[in-house]
Amino acid sequence: MQPTTAQFKFASISVQDESVDRVLSAVSHQVIDRIGEHVDLALVFPSTHFVKHAAELGLKLRGAIGARVMIGCCAEGVIGPEHEIENEPAVAIIAAQLPGVGVHPFHIDGRDALELARTPARFSEFVKPAPDTRGMVMMADPFSTPMERVPTLRGTAAMRLRSPCRATAIRSPPTACCKHG
C-alpha cells in the first residue's frame, strides 16, 4: 500500500516554560489531543535552557507520546507554530503519524561529519540508505561543521542548528524501524 498525504497527521507545538515536568505535560497532552498516542516521527527542539535535562526530557517525551523515532537538538531559539521564542526556556516539537512510511534514524559523529563535509562523495560510506529512500532530515552543528561544504542530498538541505549531528531516513513502503539510540 502506498502512503497518501490524506492519511498523514502532523502537529506543531511549542511550550514556553522552565519546568521540565510542565513542558513534558503540556507538549504530550497537545500532541495526543491533535494526532493521538502513536507518533512515527517527532522532531524536538528544546531551547538551550534545557541542555542539562535534554536526555531526561527526550526519554520521558518519547514514552509519553509513543514516538517510534525521535530526533532533535537544543537551539538558541525555537520556532513554534505561531512565533519564534528566543532567550526564554521553551520547547518546540513537530510530531507526525506517517502510515506506510518507514523511518530509520542514523547518527554521524562529529569527526565523521567533518570528513563527510570534506569529501561529500563518501556519503555512502557513512550512511547506506535503502534504494527506496525518498528523503532525509539532517541536523548539524554549524559551528563545528563547515555547512557550506555539506552536500545537498536528494533535495535535502542541512539545517543550521546547535546539536550533535542526527539524521533520519524516510522510506516507503513500510519497513522495520530501527531503535533510536
Protein backbone atom coordinates (compact mmCIF):
# COMPACT_ATOMS: atom_id res chain seq x y z
CA MET A 1 0.00 0.00 0.00
CA GLN A 2 1.37 3.38 -0.97
CA PRO A 3 1.04 6.12 1.66
CA THR A 4 -1.21 9.05 0.85
CA THR A 5 -0.98 12.54 2.29
CA ALA A 6 -4.63 12.31 3.37
CA GLN A 7 -3.60 9.66 5.90
CA PHE A 8 -0.73 11.65 7.37
CA LYS A 9 -1.26 13.67 10.56
CA PHE A 10 1.04 16.40 11.85
CA ALA A 11 1.16 18.56 14.97
CA SER A 12 3.39 21.58 15.51
CA ILE A 13 3.55 22.68 19.13
CA SER A 14 5.60 25.00 21.29
CA VAL A 15 5.54 25.44 25.05
CA GLN A 16 7.28 28.21 26.93
CA ASP A 17 8.15 27.18 30.50
CA GLU A 18 11.25 26.49 32.58
CA SER A 19 9.94 23.33 34.26
CA VAL A 20 10.76 20.03 32.53
CA ASP A 21 7.67 18.43 34.08
CA ARG A 22 5.30 21.21 32.97
CA VAL A 23 6.80 21.25 29.46
CA LEU A 24 6.51 17.47 29.25
CA SER A 25 2.89 17.54 30.41
CA ALA A 26 1.84 20.37 28.08
CA VAL A 27 3.62 19.02 25.00
CA SER A 28 2.47 15.44 25.46
CA HIS A 29 -1.18 16.47 26.06
CA GLN A 30 -1.19 18.70 22.98
CA VAL A 31 0.37 16.03 20.75
CA ILE A 32 -2.07 13.37 21.94
CA ASP A 33 -5.03 15.76 21.55
CA ARG A 34 -4.04 16.65 17.98
CA ILE A 35 -2.85 13.36 16.47
CA GLY A 36 -3.20 10.61 19.07
CA GLU A 37 -0.78 8.50 21.07
CA HIS A 38 1.05 6.85 18.19
CA VAL A 39 3.78 9.08 16.71
CA ASP A 40 6.03 7.76 13.95
CA LEU A 41 8.43 10.72 13.95
CA ALA A 42 8.98 13.50 16.47
CA LEU A 43 11.36 16.39 15.82
CA VAL A 44 12.07 18.03 19.18
CA PHE A 45 13.81 21.37 19.73
CA PRO A 46 14.33 22.43 23.35
CA SER A 47 15.98 25.79 23.98
CA THR A 48 19.50 25.78 25.40
CA HIS A 49 17.92 26.31 28.84
CA PHE A 50 17.22 22.55 28.80
CA VAL A 51 20.69 21.32 27.79
CA LYS A 52 21.31 19.68 31.19
CA HIS A 53 17.90 17.99 31.09
CA ALA A 54 17.67 17.18 27.37
CA ALA A 55 18.21 13.43 27.78
CA GLU A 56 15.59 13.18 30.55
CA LEU A 57 13.14 15.33 28.59
CA GLY A 58 13.70 13.24 25.46
CA LEU A 59 13.20 9.88 27.17
CA LYS A 60 10.07 10.98 29.02
CA LEU A 61 8.58 12.70 25.99
CA ARG A 62 9.23 9.73 23.73
CA GLY A 63 7.41 7.47 26.17
CA ALA A 64 4.53 9.90 26.73
CA ILE A 65 3.68 10.31 23.04
CA GLY A 66 4.68 6.81 21.93
CA ALA A 67 7.25 8.07 19.40
CA ARG A 68 8.85 5.29 17.34
CA VAL A 69 11.64 7.66 16.30
CA MET A 70 12.56 10.93 17.92
CA ILE A 71 15.41 13.20 16.93
CA GLY A 72 16.21 16.74 17.87
CA CYS A 73 18.65 19.22 19.20
CA CYS A 74 18.91 22.17 21.53
CA ALA A 75 18.72 25.55 19.85
CA GLU A 76 19.32 29.18 20.79
CA GLY A 77 15.74 29.97 19.85
CA VAL A 78 12.85 27.69 18.98
CA ILE A 79 10.18 28.24 16.36
CA GLY A 80 6.65 27.30 17.23
CA PRO A 81 3.51 27.33 15.12
CA GLU A 82 2.78 30.98 15.93
CA HIS A 83 6.11 32.65 16.72
CA GLU A 84 9.80 32.27 17.50
CA ILE A 85 10.87 32.14 21.13
CA GLU A 86 14.36 33.48 21.88
CA ASN A 87 16.24 33.80 25.17
CA GLU A 88 13.43 32.04 27.06
CA PRO A 89 13.04 28.42 28.16
CA ALA A 90 10.85 26.72 25.57
CA VAL A 91 10.40 23.51 23.58
CA ALA A 92 9.06 23.17 20.04
CA ILE A 93 8.02 19.84 18.55
CA ILE A 94 6.77 18.60 15.23
CA ALA A 95 5.08 15.22 15.58
CA ALA A 96 3.88 13.08 12.70
CA GLN A 97 1.87 9.96 12.05
CA LEU A 98 3.14 8.58 8.75
CA PRO A 99 1.21 5.40 7.87
CA GLY A 100 3.04 3.26 5.33
CA VAL A 101 6.35 5.08 5.79
CA GLY A 102 9.45 3.56 7.38
CA VAL A 103 11.51 6.00 9.46
CA HIS A 104 15.08 4.98 10.30
CA PRO A 105 17.42 7.08 12.46
CA PHE A 106 21.16 7.16 11.96
CA HIS A 107 23.99 9.11 13.54
CA ILE A 108 27.19 10.53 12.11
CA ASP A 109 29.59 11.59 14.84
CA GLY A 110 31.47 14.89 14.73
CA ARG A 111 34.72 13.54 13.31
CA ASP A 112 32.92 11.64 10.54
CA ALA A 113 30.69 14.66 9.82
CA LEU A 114 33.80 16.77 9.21
CA GLU A 115 35.24 14.08 6.93
CA LEU A 116 31.95 13.90 5.06
CA ALA A 117 31.97 17.69 4.65
CA ARG A 118 35.50 17.48 3.19
CA THR A 119 34.60 14.67 0.78
CA PRO A 120 30.83 14.55 0.12
CA ALA A 121 31.27 11.75 -2.43
CA ARG A 122 31.96 9.42 0.54
CA PHE A 123 28.42 9.82 1.93
CA SER A 124 27.57 6.20 1.09
CA GLU A 125 30.44 5.05 3.34
CA PHE A 126 28.74 6.66 6.35
CA VAL A 127 25.07 6.05 5.58
CA LYS A 128 23.58 3.30 3.46
CA PRO A 129 20.02 4.34 2.66
CA ALA A 130 17.77 1.74 1.11
CA PRO A 131 17.07 2.10 -2.62
CA ASP A 132 13.50 3.25 -1.89
CA THR A 133 14.58 6.12 0.38
CA ARG A 134 12.62 9.20 -0.60
CA GLY A 135 14.02 11.79 1.80
CA MET A 136 16.29 12.54 4.72
CA VAL A 137 16.23 15.02 7.57
CA MET A 138 19.68 16.05 8.77
CA MET A 139 20.73 18.30 11.66
CA ALA A 140 24.28 19.51 12.25
CA ASP A 141 26.10 21.95 14.49
CA PRO A 142 27.04 24.86 12.16
CA PHE A 143 29.81 25.97 14.50
CA SER A 144 31.83 22.77 14.12
CA THR A 145 30.56 21.51 10.76
CA PRO A 146 31.55 23.52 7.68
CA MET A 147 27.96 23.90 6.46
CA GLU A 148 28.95 25.42 3.12
CA ARG A 149 30.63 22.11 2.25
CA VAL A 150 27.84 19.78 3.40
CA PRO A 151 26.18 18.47 0.25
CA THR A 152 22.51 18.72 -0.56
CA LEU A 153 21.42 15.11 -0.95
CA ARG A 154 18.33 14.25 -2.99
CA GLY A 155 16.82 17.64 -2.22
CA THR A 156 17.63 17.55 1.50
CA ALA A 157 19.15 20.67 2.96
CA ALA A 158 21.14 20.72 6.19
CA MET A 159 19.54 22.83 8.90
CA ARG A 160 21.65 25.29 10.88
CA LEU A 161 21.03 24.23 14.48
CA ARG A 162 23.24 23.69 17.51
CA SER A 163 23.44 19.98 18.20
CA PRO A 164 25.29 16.78 17.55
CA CYS A 165 24.57 15.59 14.03
CA ARG A 166 21.43 13.46 13.90
CA ALA A 167 19.55 12.34 10.85
CA THR A 168 16.59 10.27 9.83
CA ALA A 169 15.91 8.50 6.57
CA ILE A 170 12.31 8.28 5.45
CA ARG A 171 11.37 5.26 3.35
CA SER A 172 8.32 3.87 1.67
CA PRO A 173 6.93 1.14 1.60
CA PRO A 174 6.82 0.17 5.29
CA THR A 175 9.90 -1.40 6.82
CA ALA A 176 11.02 -2.23 10.33
CA CYS A 177 12.01 0.77 12.41
CA CYS A 178 15.44 0.89 13.97
CA LYS A 179 15.74 1.77 17.64
CA HIS A 180 16.90 5.31 18.33
CA GLY A 181 19.98 5.06 20.50
